[in-house]
C-alpha atoms as a PDB file:
ATOM      1  CA  MET A   1      48.809  46.984  -2.154  1.00  0.00           C
ATOM      2  CA  SER A   2      45.423  47.587  -3.706  1.00  0.00           C
ATOM      3  CA  ASP A   3      44.583  43.881  -3.263  1.00  0.00           C
ATOM      4  CA  ILE A   4      44.643  44.159   0.537  1.00  0.00           C
ATOM      5  CA  ASP A   5      41.402  45.219   2.177  1.00  0.00           C
ATOM      6  CA  PHE A   6      42.461  47.304   5.156  1.00  0.00           C
ATOM      7  CA  ASN A   7      38.927  47.304   6.588  1.00  0.00           C
ATOM      8  CA  ALA A   8      38.975  43.509   6.864  1.00  0.00           C
ATOM      9  CA  ILE A   9      42.393  43.577   8.544  1.00  0.00           C
ATOM     10  CA  GLY A  10      41.137  46.180  11.006  1.00  0.00           C
ATOM     11  CA  ILE A  11      38.021  44.154  11.797  1.00  0.00           C
ATOM     12  CA  ILE A  12      40.064  40.984  12.330  1.00  0.00           C
ATOM     13  CA  PHE A  13      42.467  42.873  14.575  1.00  0.00           C
ATOM     14  CA  VAL A  14      39.711  44.426  16.673  1.00  0.00           C
ATOM     15  CA  ALA A  15      37.632  41.239  16.837  1.00  0.00           C
ATOM     16  CA  PHE A  16      40.373  38.690  17.578  1.00  0.00           C
ATOM     17  CA  VAL A  17      43.840  40.088  18.225  1.00  0.00           C
ATOM     18  CA  LEU A  18      42.988  42.998  20.496  1.00  0.00           C
ATOM     19  CA  PRO A  19      40.728  41.069  22.934  1.00  0.00           C
ATOM     20  CA  MET A  20      43.232  38.219  23.161  1.00  0.00           C
ATOM     21  CA  TRP A  21      46.106  40.621  23.774  1.00  0.00           C
ATOM     22  CA  MET A  22      44.133  42.448  26.498  1.00  0.00           C
ATOM     23  CA  PHE A  23      43.130  39.180  28.161  1.00  0.00           C
ATOM     24  CA  LEU A  24      46.695  37.877  28.247  1.00  0.00           C
ATOM     25  CA  HIS A  25      48.219  41.196  29.268  1.00  0.00           C
ATOM     26  CA  TYR A  26      45.877  41.996  32.147  1.00  0.00           C
ATOM     27  CA  GLY A  27      45.616  38.343  33.184  1.00  0.00           C
ATOM     28  CA  SER A  28      49.360  38.169  33.707  1.00  0.00           C
ATOM     29  CA  ARG A  29      49.326  41.439  35.640  1.00  0.00           C
ATOM     30  CA  TRP A  30      46.527  40.137  37.871  1.00  0.00           C
ATOM     31  CA  ARG A  31      48.439  36.912  38.569  1.00  0.00           C
ATOM     32  CA  ALA A  32      51.585  38.873  39.393  1.00  0.00           C
ATOM     33  CA  SER A  33      49.810  41.138  41.872  1.00  0.00           C
ATOM     34  CA  ARG A  34      47.731  38.383  43.451  1.00  0.00           C
ATOM     35  CA  GLY A  35      50.174  37.766  46.303  1.00  0.00           C
ATOM     36  CA  LEU A  36      50.879  40.034  49.231  1.00  0.00           C
ATOM     37  CA  ALA A  37      53.832  42.373  49.225  1.00  0.00           C
ATOM     38  CA  ALA A  38      56.442  41.969  51.968  1.00  0.00           C
ATOM     39  CA  GLN A  39      55.203  45.108  53.711  1.00  0.00           C
ATOM     40  CA  ASP A  40      51.609  43.814  53.625  1.00  0.00           C
ATOM     41  CA  GLU A  41      52.696  40.461  55.061  1.00  0.00           C
ATOM     42  CA  LYS A  42      54.524  42.210  57.910  1.00  0.00           C
ATOM     43  CA  LEU A  43      51.480  44.372  58.617  1.00  0.00           C
ATOM     44  CA  LEU A  44      49.226  41.321  58.628  1.00  0.00           C
ATOM     45  CA  THR A  45      51.578  39.498  61.018  1.00  0.00           C
ATOM     46  CA  ASP A  46      51.696  42.518  63.336  1.00  0.00           C
ATOM     47  CA  LEU A  47      47.907  42.772  63.342  1.00  0.00           C
ATOM     48  CA  TRP A  48      47.602  39.055  64.046  1.00  0.00           C
ATOM     49  CA  ASP A  49      49.985  39.345  67.010  1.00  0.00           C
ATOM     50  CA  ALA A  50      48.137  42.382  68.349  1.00  0.00           C
ATOM     51  CA  ALA A  51      44.808  40.548  68.113  1.00  0.00           C
ATOM     52  CA  ARG A  52      46.261  37.530  69.926  1.00  0.00           C
ATOM     53  CA  ARG A  53      47.639  39.730  72.747  1.00  0.00           C
ATOM     54  CA  MET A  54      44.308  41.549  73.035  1.00  0.00           C
ATOM     55  CA  GLU A  55      42.493  38.227  73.286  1.00  0.00           C
ATOM     56  CA  GLU A  56      44.848  37.133  76.083  1.00  0.00           C
ATOM     57  CA  ARG A  57      44.205  40.403  77.931  1.00  0.00           C
ATOM     58  CA  MET A  58      40.459  39.948  77.604  1.00  0.00           C
ATOM     59  CA  ASP A  59      40.702  36.381  78.916  1.00  0.00           C
ATOM     60  CA  ASN A  60      42.735  37.580  81.909  1.00  0.00           C
ATOM     61  CA  LEU A  61      40.288  40.408  82.580  1.00  0.00           C
ATOM     62  CA  GLU A  62      37.287  38.050  82.374  1.00  0.00           C
ATOM     63  CA  ARG A  63      39.035  35.635  84.718  1.00  0.00           C
ATOM     64  CA  ALA A  64      39.829  38.434  87.207  1.00  0.00           C
ATOM     65  CA  LEU A  65      36.307  39.844  87.068  1.00  0.00           C
ATOM     66  CA  GLY A  66      34.816  36.367  87.398  1.00  0.00           C
ATOM     67  CA  ALA A  67      36.933  35.633  90.479  1.00  0.00           C
ATOM     68  CA  ASP A  68      36.021  39.025  91.955  1.00  0.00           C
ATOM     69  CA  SER A  69      32.283  38.488  91.425  1.00  0.00           C
ATOM     70  CA  GLN A  70      32.489  34.992  92.995  1.00  0.00           C
ATOM     71  CA  ARG A  71      34.089  36.458  96.138  1.00  0.00           C
ATOM     72  CA  LYS A  72      31.341  39.072  96.441  1.00  0.00           C
ATOM     73  CA  THR A  73      28.515  36.510  96.130  1.00  0.00           C
ATOM     74  CA  SER A  74      30.063  34.052  98.583  1.00  0.00           C
END
């Protein structure tokens, strides 16, 4: 085993193998977590519905206030 230079093997490992392993490992984890979880999707849907209902309420309120102000000016 005296023919093997352990420093060269260590340098090759650190320079090539380790960065490639980290890139592939964390890249696959990032791709796996890129989507929304089921709980997050439900929360997003609930928030979307609440925003839509609030917008409808605001439209109704603006319509009622607009009709009320037209009656006062007429």
